[in-house]
Full PDB file with SEQRES, HELIX, SHEET, SSBOND, CRYST1, ORIGX, SCALE, CONECT and MASTER records, all heavy atoms in Angstrom:
SEQRES   1 A   37  ILE ASP MET ILE GLU LEU ALA GLY LEU GLY ILE ALA MET          
SEQRES   2 A   37  GLY ASN GLY SER ASP THR LEU LYS SER ALA ALA ASP PHE          
SEQRES   3 A   37  VAL THR LYS LYS SER GLY GLU ASP GLY ILE GLU                  
HELIX    1 AA1 ASP A    2  LEU A    6  1                                   5    
HELIX    2 AA2 ASP A   18  ALA A   23  1                                   6    
HELIX    3 AA3 SER A   31  GLU A   33  5                                   3    
SHEET    1 AA1 2 ILE A  11  ALA A  12  0                                        
SHEET    2 AA1 2 PHE A  26  VAL A  27  1                                        
CRYST1    1.000    1.000    1.000  90.00  90.00  90.00 P 1           1          
ORIGX1      1.000000  0.000000  0.000000        0.00000                         
ORIGX2      0.000000  1.000000  0.000000        0.00000                         
ORIGX3      0.000000  0.000000  1.000000        0.00000                         
SCALE1      1.000000  0.000000  0.000000        0.00000                         
SCALE2      0.000000  1.000000  0.000000        0.00000                         
SCALE3      0.000000  0.000000  1.000000        0.00000                         
ATOM      1  N   ILE A   1    -106.163 172.026  21.341  1.00  0.00           N  
ATOM      2  CA  ILE A   1    -104.840 172.495  21.391  1.00  0.00           C  
ATOM      3  C   ILE A   1    -103.911 171.834  20.307  1.00  0.00           C  
ATOM      4  O   ILE A   1    -103.125 172.562  19.631  1.00  0.00           O  
ATOM      5  CB  ILE A   1    -104.204 172.176  22.840  1.00  0.00           C  
ATOM      6  CG1 ILE A   1    -104.844 173.129  23.888  1.00  0.00           C  
ATOM      7  CG2 ILE A   1    -102.673 172.373  22.812  1.00  0.00           C  
ATOM      8  CD1 ILE A   1    -104.455 172.776  25.305  1.00  0.00           C  
ATOM      9  N   ASP A   2    -104.041 170.576  20.178  1.00  0.00           N  
ATOM     10  CA  ASP A   2    -103.279 169.823  19.114  1.00  0.00           C  
ATOM     11  C   ASP A   2    -103.563 170.316  17.707  1.00  0.00           C  
ATOM     12  O   ASP A   2    -102.685 170.402  16.851  1.00  0.00           O  
ATOM     13  CB  ASP A   2    -103.430 168.349  19.252  1.00  0.00           C  
ATOM     14  CG  ASP A   2    -104.819 167.875  19.007  1.00  0.00           C  
ATOM     15  OD1 ASP A   2    -105.693 168.307  19.711  1.00  0.00           O  
ATOM     16  OD2 ASP A   2    -105.101 167.078  18.031  1.00  0.00           O  
ATOM     17  N   MET A   3    -104.765 170.773  17.509  1.00  0.00           N  
ATOM     18  CA  MET A   3    -105.239 171.211  16.208  1.00  0.00           C  
ATOM     19  C   MET A   3    -104.610 172.538  15.926  1.00  0.00           C  
ATOM     20  O   MET A   3    -104.083 172.791  14.795  1.00  0.00           O  
ATOM     21  CB  MET A   3    -106.795 171.330  16.218  1.00  0.00           C  
ATOM     22  CG  MET A   3    -107.354 172.003  15.063  1.00  0.00           C  
ATOM     23  SD  MET A   3    -109.217 171.981  14.933  1.00  0.00           S  
ATOM     24  CE  MET A   3    -109.610 173.220  16.091  1.00  0.00           C  
ATOM     25  N   ILE A   4    -104.703 173.575  16.825  1.00  0.00           N  
ATOM     26  CA  ILE A   4    -104.089 174.790  16.497  1.00  0.00           C  
ATOM     27  C   ILE A   4    -102.594 174.771  16.590  1.00  0.00           C  
ATOM     28  O   ILE A   4    -101.893 175.601  15.895  1.00  0.00           O  
ATOM     29  CB  ILE A   4    -104.636 175.962  17.473  1.00  0.00           C  
ATOM     30  CG1 ILE A   4    -104.114 175.761  18.901  1.00  0.00           C  
ATOM     31  CG2 ILE A   4    -106.132 175.989  17.430  1.00  0.00           C  
ATOM     32  CD1 ILE A   4    -104.358 176.967  19.774  1.00  0.00           C  
ATOM     33  N   GLU A   5    -101.974 173.855  17.274  1.00  0.00           N  
ATOM     34  CA  GLU A   5    -100.475 173.711  17.189  1.00  0.00           C  
ATOM     35  C   GLU A   5    -100.034 173.171  15.898  1.00  0.00           C  
ATOM     36  O   GLU A   5     -99.016 173.419  15.345  1.00  0.00           O  
ATOM     37  CB  GLU A   5     -99.967 172.763  18.319  1.00  0.00           C  
ATOM     38  CG  GLU A   5    -100.108 173.406  19.721  1.00  0.00           C  
ATOM     39  CD  GLU A   5     -99.547 172.529  20.806  1.00  0.00           C  
ATOM     40  OE1 GLU A   5     -99.655 171.412  20.648  1.00  0.00           O  
ATOM     41  OE2 GLU A   5     -99.133 173.125  21.793  1.00  0.00           O  
ATOM     42  N   LEU A   6    -100.911 172.244  15.264  1.00  0.00           N  
ATOM     43  CA  LEU A   6    -100.582 171.650  13.997  1.00  0.00           C  
ATOM     44  C   LEU A   6    -100.623 172.632  12.843  1.00  0.00           C  
ATOM     45  O   LEU A   6     -99.855 172.634  11.881  1.00  0.00           O  
ATOM     46  CB  LEU A   6    -101.479 170.422  13.741  1.00  0.00           C  
ATOM     47  CG  LEU A   6    -101.313 169.827  12.334  1.00  0.00           C  
ATOM     48  CD1 LEU A   6    -100.029 169.176  12.190  1.00  0.00           C  
ATOM     49  CD2 LEU A   6    -102.446 168.727  12.166  1.00  0.00           C  
ATOM     50  N   ALA A   7    -101.660 173.583  12.834  1.00  0.00           N  
ATOM     51  CA  ALA A   7    -101.864 174.460  11.731  1.00  0.00           C  
ATOM     52  C   ALA A   7    -100.775 175.518  11.683  1.00  0.00           C  
ATOM     53  O   ALA A   7    -100.115 175.794  12.588  1.00  0.00           O  
ATOM     54  CB  ALA A   7    -103.181 175.163  12.005  1.00  0.00           C  
ATOM     55  N   GLY A   8    -100.643 176.010  10.438  1.00  0.00           N  
ATOM     56  CA  GLY A   8     -99.704 176.966  10.197  1.00  0.00           C  
ATOM     57  C   GLY A   8    -100.062 178.292  10.919  1.00  0.00           C  
ATOM     58  O   GLY A   8     -99.121 179.056  11.441  1.00  0.00           O  
ATOM     59  N   LEU A   9    -101.336 178.545  11.158  1.00  0.00           N  
ATOM     60  CA  LEU A   9    -101.808 179.608  11.949  1.00  0.00           C  
ATOM     61  C   LEU A   9    -102.858 179.150  12.886  1.00  0.00           C  
ATOM     62  O   LEU A   9    -103.912 178.798  12.503  1.00  0.00           O  
ATOM     63  CB  LEU A   9    -102.393 180.716  11.055  1.00  0.00           C  
ATOM     64  CG  LEU A   9    -102.926 181.943  11.700  1.00  0.00           C  
ATOM     65  CD1 LEU A   9    -101.878 182.660  12.614  1.00  0.00           C  
ATOM     66  CD2 LEU A   9    -103.492 182.898  10.695  1.00  0.00           C  
ATOM     67  N   GLY A  10    -102.560 179.117  14.260  1.00  0.00           N  
ATOM     68  CA  GLY A  10    -103.540 178.610  15.190  1.00  0.00           C  
ATOM     69  C   GLY A  10    -104.085 179.784  16.025  1.00  0.00           C  
ATOM     70  O   GLY A  10    -103.246 180.578  16.610  1.00  0.00           O  
ATOM     71  N   ILE A  11    -105.388 179.876  15.960  1.00  0.00           N  
ATOM     72  CA  ILE A  11    -106.062 181.019  16.658  1.00  0.00           C  
ATOM     73  C   ILE A  11    -106.961 180.561  17.735  1.00  0.00           C  
ATOM     74  O   ILE A  11    -107.873 179.710  17.537  1.00  0.00           O  
ATOM     75  CB  ILE A  11    -106.878 181.798  15.591  1.00  0.00           C  
ATOM     76  CG1 ILE A  11    -105.968 182.414  14.526  1.00  0.00           C  
ATOM     77  CG2 ILE A  11    -107.654 182.946  16.235  1.00  0.00           C  
ATOM     78  CD1 ILE A  11    -106.686 182.966  13.238  1.00  0.00           C  
ATOM     79  N   ALA A  12    -106.812 181.176  18.911  1.00  0.00           N  
ATOM     80  CA  ALA A  12    -107.650 180.821  20.092  1.00  0.00           C  
ATOM     81  C   ALA A  12    -108.655 182.001  20.173  1.00  0.00           C  
ATOM     82  O   ALA A  12    -108.533 183.123  20.152  1.00  0.00           O  
ATOM     83  CB  ALA A  12    -106.859 180.779  21.325  1.00  0.00           C  
ATOM     84  N   MET A  13    -109.961 181.499  20.458  1.00  0.00           N  
ATOM     85  CA  MET A  13    -111.035 182.460  20.672  1.00  0.00           C  
ATOM     86  C   MET A  13    -110.773 183.099  22.040  1.00  0.00           C  
ATOM     87  O   MET A  13    -110.271 182.495  22.982  1.00  0.00           O  
ATOM     88  CB  MET A  13    -112.426 181.715  20.691  1.00  0.00           C  
ATOM     89  CG  MET A  13    -112.619 180.879  19.310  1.00  0.00           C  
ATOM     90  SD  MET A  13    -112.460 181.867  17.889  1.00  0.00           S  
ATOM     91  CE  MET A  13    -113.863 183.029  18.055  1.00  0.00           C  
ATOM     92  N   GLY A  14    -111.377 184.299  22.240  1.00  0.00           N  
ATOM     93  CA  GLY A  14    -111.182 185.025  23.416  1.00  0.00           C  
ATOM     94  C   GLY A  14    -111.918 184.331  24.599  1.00  0.00           C  
ATOM     95  O   GLY A  14    -111.503 184.572  25.716  1.00  0.00           O  
ATOM     96  N   ASN A  15    -112.833 183.563  24.240  1.00  0.00           N  
ATOM     97  CA  ASN A  15    -113.613 182.770  25.366  1.00  0.00           C  
ATOM     98  C   ASN A  15    -112.952 181.460  25.636  1.00  0.00           C  
ATOM     99  O   ASN A  15    -113.509 180.646  26.396  1.00  0.00           O  
ATOM    100  CB  ASN A  15    -115.055 182.548  24.909  1.00  0.00           C  
ATOM    101  CG  ASN A  15    -115.220 182.078  23.567  1.00  0.00           C  
ATOM    102  OD1 ASN A  15    -115.121 182.771  22.585  1.00  0.00           O  
ATOM    103  ND2 ASN A  15    -115.473 180.750  23.412  1.00  0.00           N  
ATOM    104  N   GLY A  16    -111.754 181.152  25.001  1.00  0.00           N  
ATOM    105  CA  GLY A  16    -111.117 179.882  25.224  1.00  0.00           C  
ATOM    106  C   GLY A  16    -110.339 179.711  26.522  1.00  0.00           C  
ATOM    107  O   GLY A  16    -110.218 180.748  27.290  1.00  0.00           O  
ATOM    108  N   SER A  17    -109.842 178.682  26.709  1.00  0.00           N  
ATOM    109  CA  SER A  17    -109.074 178.420  28.056  1.00  0.00           C  
ATOM    110  C   SER A  17    -107.737 179.001  27.950  1.00  0.00           C  
ATOM    111  O   SER A  17    -107.182 179.259  26.965  1.00  0.00           O  
ATOM    112  CB  SER A  17    -108.987 176.837  28.230  1.00  0.00           C  
ATOM    113  OG  SER A  17    -107.994 176.342  27.361  1.00  0.00           O  
ATOM    114  N   ASP A  18    -107.194 179.324  29.208  1.00  0.00           N  
ATOM    115  CA  ASP A  18    -105.852 179.856  29.158  1.00  0.00           C  
ATOM    116  C   ASP A  18    -104.807 179.026  28.594  1.00  0.00           C  
ATOM    117  O   ASP A  18    -103.889 179.404  27.997  1.00  0.00           O  
ATOM    118  CB  ASP A  18    -105.489 180.234  30.579  1.00  0.00           C  
ATOM    119  CG  ASP A  18    -106.291 181.382  31.278  1.00  0.00           C  
ATOM    120  OD1 ASP A  18    -106.858 182.064  30.434  1.00  0.00           O  
ATOM    121  OD2 ASP A  18    -106.454 181.426  32.503  1.00  0.00           O  
ATOM    122  N   THR A  19    -104.912 177.635  28.771  1.00  0.00           N  
ATOM    123  CA  THR A  19    -103.975 176.714  28.205  1.00  0.00           C  
ATOM    124  C   THR A  19    -103.999 176.794  26.719  1.00  0.00           C  
ATOM    125  O   THR A  19    -102.902 176.688  26.069  1.00  0.00           O  
ATOM    126  CB  THR A  19    -104.321 175.314  28.675  1.00  0.00           C  
ATOM    127  OG1 THR A  19    -104.368 175.360  30.098  1.00  0.00           O  
ATOM    128  CG2 THR A  19    -103.236 174.328  28.277  1.00  0.00           C  
ATOM    129  N   LEU A  20    -105.140 176.869  26.087  1.00  0.00           N  
ATOM    130  CA  LEU A  20    -105.234 176.906  24.689  1.00  0.00           C  
ATOM    131  C   LEU A  20    -104.720 178.260  24.181  1.00  0.00           C  
ATOM    132  O   LEU A  20    -103.882 178.242  23.204  1.00  0.00           O  
ATOM    133  CB  LEU A  20    -106.751 176.921  24.271  1.00  0.00           C  
ATOM    134  CG  LEU A  20    -106.988 177.054  22.772  1.00  0.00           C  
ATOM    135  CD1 LEU A  20    -106.736 175.790  21.979  1.00  0.00           C  
ATOM    136  CD2 LEU A  20    -108.393 177.509  22.488  1.00  0.00           C  
ATOM    137  N   LYS A  21    -104.948 179.410  24.890  1.00  0.00           N  
ATOM    138  CA  LYS A  21    -104.471 180.677  24.485  1.00  0.00           C  
ATOM    139  C   LYS A  21    -102.856 180.627  24.468  1.00  0.00           C  
ATOM    140  O   LYS A  21    -102.287 181.323  23.609  1.00  0.00           O  
ATOM    141  CB  LYS A  21    -104.942 181.793  25.449  1.00  0.00           C  
ATOM    142  CG  LYS A  21    -106.482 182.045  25.161  1.00  0.00           C  
ATOM    143  CD  LYS A  21    -106.999 182.947  26.249  1.00  0.00           C  
ATOM    144  CE  LYS A  21    -108.423 183.272  26.011  1.00  0.00           C  
ATOM    145  NZ  LYS A  21    -109.016 184.289  27.071  1.00  0.00           N  
ATOM    146  N   SER A  22    -102.278 180.046  25.435  1.00  0.00           N  
ATOM    147  CA  SER A  22    -100.844 179.981  25.522  1.00  0.00           C  
ATOM    148  C   SER A  22    -100.260 179.157  24.371  1.00  0.00           C  
ATOM    149  O   SER A  22     -99.026 179.320  24.094  1.00  0.00           O  
ATOM    150  CB  SER A  22    -100.349 179.483  26.880  1.00  0.00           C  
ATOM    151  OG  SER A  22    -100.665 178.039  26.973  1.00  0.00           O  
ATOM    152  N   ALA A  23    -100.918 178.221  23.840  1.00  0.00           N  
ATOM    153  CA  ALA A  23    -100.513 177.563  22.627  1.00  0.00           C  
ATOM    154  C   ALA A  23    -100.817 178.094  21.322  1.00  0.00           C  
ATOM    155  O   ALA A  23    -100.192 177.606  20.301  1.00  0.00           O  
ATOM    156  CB  ALA A  23    -101.153 176.105  22.688  1.00  0.00           C  
ATOM    157  N   ALA A  24    -101.627 179.058  21.290  1.00  0.00           N  
ATOM    158  CA  ALA A  24    -102.023 179.784  19.953  1.00  0.00           C  
ATOM    159  C   ALA A  24    -101.027 180.741  19.467  1.00  0.00           C  
ATOM    160  O   ALA A  24    -100.158 181.316  20.197  1.00  0.00           O  
ATOM    161  CB  ALA A  24    -103.355 180.417  20.175  1.00  0.00           C  
ATOM    162  N   ASP A  25    -101.006 181.001  18.191  1.00  0.00           N  
ATOM    163  CA  ASP A  25    -100.319 182.057  17.550  1.00  0.00           C  
ATOM    164  C   ASP A  25    -101.003 183.410  17.775  1.00  0.00           C  
ATOM    165  O   ASP A  25    -100.278 184.453  17.799  1.00  0.00           O  
ATOM    166  CB  ASP A  25    -100.137 181.758  16.070  1.00  0.00           C  
ATOM    167  CG  ASP A  25     -99.394 180.466  15.704  1.00  0.00           C  
ATOM    168  OD1 ASP A  25     -98.309 180.300  16.213  1.00  0.00           O  
ATOM    169  OD2 ASP A  25    -100.048 179.583  15.031  1.00  0.00           O  
ATOM    170  N   PHE A  26    -102.284 183.354  17.890  1.00  0.00           N  
ATOM    171  CA  PHE A  26    -102.990 184.635  18.101  1.00  0.00           C  
ATOM    172  C   PHE A  26    -104.251 184.448  18.939  1.00  0.00           C  
ATOM    173  O   PHE A  26    -104.874 183.376  18.661  1.00  0.00           O  
ATOM    174  CB  PHE A  26    -103.355 185.159  16.629  1.00  0.00           C  
ATOM    175  CG  PHE A  26    -104.099 186.452  16.663  1.00  0.00           C  
ATOM    176  CD1 PHE A  26    -103.440 187.644  16.879  1.00  0.00           C  
ATOM    177  CD2 PHE A  26    -105.500 186.579  16.369  1.00  0.00           C  
ATOM    178  CE1 PHE A  26    -104.068 188.888  16.802  1.00  0.00           C  
ATOM    179  CE2 PHE A  26    -106.145 187.739  16.368  1.00  0.00           C  
ATOM    180  CZ  PHE A  26    -105.390 188.890  16.663  1.00  0.00           C  
ATOM    181  N   VAL A  27    -104.521 185.268  19.724  1.00  0.00           N  
ATOM    182  CA  VAL A  27    -105.786 185.213  20.528  1.00  0.00           C  
ATOM    183  C   VAL A  27    -106.683 186.340  20.046  1.00  0.00           C  
ATOM    184  O   VAL A  27    -106.370 187.515  20.108  1.00  0.00           O  
ATOM    185  CB  VAL A  27    -105.510 185.481  21.971  1.00  0.00           C  
ATOM    186  CG1 VAL A  27    -106.774 185.367  22.726  1.00  0.00           C  
ATOM    187  CG2 VAL A  27    -104.654 184.335  22.578  1.00  0.00           C  
ATOM    188  N   THR A  28    -107.880 185.932  19.550  1.00  0.00           N  
ATOM    189  CA  THR A  28    -108.821 186.885  19.059  1.00  0.00           C  
ATOM    190  C   THR A  28    -109.875 187.154  19.959  1.00  0.00           C  
ATOM    191  O   THR A  28    -109.836 186.892  21.250  1.00  0.00           O  
ATOM    192  CB  THR A  28    -109.448 186.294  17.726  1.00  0.00           C  
ATOM    193  OG1 THR A  28    -110.199 187.383  17.047  1.00  0.00           O  
ATOM    194  CG2 THR A  28    -110.346 185.056  17.922  1.00  0.00           C  
ATOM    195  N   LYS A  29    -110.963 187.913  19.583  1.00  0.00           N  
ATOM    196  CA  LYS A  29    -112.035 188.241  20.456  1.00  0.00           C  
ATOM    197  C   LYS A  29    -112.877 187.001  20.717  1.00  0.00           C  
ATOM    198  O   LYS A  29    -112.691 185.950  20.051  1.00  0.00           O  
ATOM    199  CB  LYS A  29    -112.876 189.401  19.830  1.00  0.00           C  
ATOM    200  CG  LYS A  29    -112.199 190.745  19.615  1.00  0.00           C  
ATOM    201  CD  LYS A  29    -113.119 191.683  19.105  1.00  0.00           C  
ATOM    202  CE  LYS A  29    -112.376 193.034  18.925  1.00  0.00           C  
ATOM    203  NZ  LYS A  29    -113.280 194.131  18.234  1.00  0.00           N  
ATOM    204  N   LYS A  30    -113.891 187.110  21.567  1.00  0.00           N  
ATOM    205  CA  LYS A  30    -114.718 186.003  21.859  1.00  0.00           C  
ATOM    206  C   LYS A  30    -115.631 185.640  20.627  1.00  0.00           C  
ATOM    207  O   LYS A  30    -115.899 186.536  19.883  1.00  0.00           O  
ATOM    208  CB  LYS A  30    -115.674 186.365  23.117  1.00  0.00           C  
ATOM    209  CG  LYS A  30    -114.934 186.510  24.491  1.00  0.00           C  
ATOM    210  CD  LYS A  30    -115.884 186.817  25.544  1.00  0.00           C  
ATOM    211  CE  LYS A  30    -115.026 187.032  26.801  1.00  0.00           C  
ATOM    212  NZ  LYS A  30    -115.958 187.399  27.960  1.00  0.00           N  
ATOM    213  N   SER A  31    -116.101 184.436  20.580  1.00  0.00           N  
ATOM    214  CA  SER A  31    -116.917 184.131  19.450  1.00  0.00           C  
ATOM    215  C   SER A  31    -118.257 184.989  19.335  1.00  0.00           C  
ATOM    216  O   SER A  31    -118.669 185.221  18.251  1.00  0.00           O  
ATOM    217  CB  SER A  31    -117.297 182.517  19.487  1.00  0.00           C  
ATOM    218  OG  SER A  31    -118.072 182.322  20.629  1.00  0.00           O  
ATOM    219  N   GLY A  32    -118.708 185.399  20.413  1.00  0.00           N  
ATOM    220  CA  GLY A  32    -119.941 186.228  20.536  1.00  0.00           C  
ATOM    221  C   GLY A  32    -119.624 187.647  20.155  1.00  0.00           C  
ATOM    222  O   GLY A  32    -120.540 188.471  20.090  1.00  0.00           O  
ATOM    223  N   GLU A  33    -118.354 188.013  19.946  1.00  0.00           N  
ATOM    224  CA  GLU A  33    -117.914 189.343  19.637  1.00  0.00           C  
ATOM    225  C   GLU A  33    -117.235 189.332  18.228  1.00  0.00           C  
ATOM    226  O   GLU A  33    -116.425 190.174  17.884  1.00  0.00           O  
ATOM    227  CB  GLU A  33    -117.001 189.838  20.758  1.00  0.00           C  
ATOM    228  CG  GLU A  33    -117.628 189.942  22.126  1.00  0.00           C  
ATOM    229  CD  GLU A  33    -116.588 190.208  23.147  1.00  0.00           C  
ATOM    230  OE1 GLU A  33    -115.337 190.269  22.884  1.00  0.00           O  
ATOM    231  OE2 GLU A  33    -116.943 190.475  24.365  1.00  0.00           O  
ATOM    232  N   ASP A  34    -117.784 188.453  17.403  1.00  0.00           N  
ATOM    233  CA  ASP A  34    -117.117 188.311  16.012  1.00  0.00           C  
ATOM    234  C   ASP A  34    -115.712 188.178  16.034  1.00  0.00           C  
ATOM    235  O   ASP A  34    -114.951 188.726  15.159  1.00  0.00           O  
ATOM    236  CB  ASP A  34    -117.556 189.610  15.231  1.00  0.00           C  
ATOM    237  CG  ASP A  34    -119.039 189.713  15.100  1.00  0.00           C  
ATOM    238  OD1 ASP A  34    -119.785 188.698  14.911  1.00  0.00           O  
ATOM    239  OD2 ASP A  34    -119.599 190.871  15.168  1.00  0.00           O  
ATOM    240  N   GLY A  35    -115.240 187.220  16.893  1.00  0.00           N  
ATOM    241  CA  GLY A  35    -113.776 186.963  16.947  1.00  0.00           C  
ATOM    242  C   GLY A  35    -113.240 186.306  15.719  1.00  0.00           C  
ATOM    243  O   GLY A  35    -112.021 186.611  15.399  1.00  0.00           O  
ATOM    244  N   ILE A  36    -114.026 185.509  14.971  1.00  0.00           N  
ATOM    245  CA  ILE A  36    -113.477 184.967  13.704  1.00  0.00           C  
ATOM    246  C   ILE A  36    -113.115 185.996  12.736  1.00  0.00           C  
ATOM    247  O   ILE A  36    -112.118 186.065  12.077  1.00  0.00           O  
ATOM    248  CB  ILE A  36    -114.507 183.969  13.154  1.00  0.00           C  
ATOM    249  CG1 ILE A  36    -114.580 182.733  14.032  1.00  0.00           C  
ATOM    250  CG2 ILE A  36    -114.025 183.550  11.727  1.00  0.00           C  
ATOM    251  CD1 ILE A  36    -115.732 181.650  13.757  1.00  0.00           C  
ATOM    252  N   GLU A  37    -114.136 186.987  12.565  1.00  0.00           N  
ATOM    253  CA  GLU A  37    -113.979 188.134  11.639  1.00  0.00           C  
ATOM    254  C   GLU A  37    -112.702 188.990  12.035  1.00  0.00           C  
ATOM    255  O   GLU A  37    -111.931 189.258  11.152  1.00  0.00           O  
ATOM    256  CB  GLU A  37    -115.172 188.918  11.573  1.00  0.00           C  
ATOM    257  CG  GLU A  37    -114.994 190.102  10.604  1.00  0.00           C  
ATOM    258  CD  GLU A  37    -116.215 191.078  10.705  1.00  0.00           C  
ATOM    259  OE1 GLU A  37    -116.654 191.406  11.787  1.00  0.00           O  
ATOM    260  OE2 GLU A  37    -116.641 191.461   9.602  1.00  0.00           O  
TER     261      GLU A  37                                                      
MASTER        0    0    0    3    2    0    0    6  260    1    0    3          
END                                                                             
């Protein structure tokens, strides 16, 4: 959480926790679904 809040663009993986997702700028797909891409 502190890492993605610090970054100019914080991205939570779709498999991430709800708390992390609420802190992110963007919620992507799960890591197993090519969420980074």
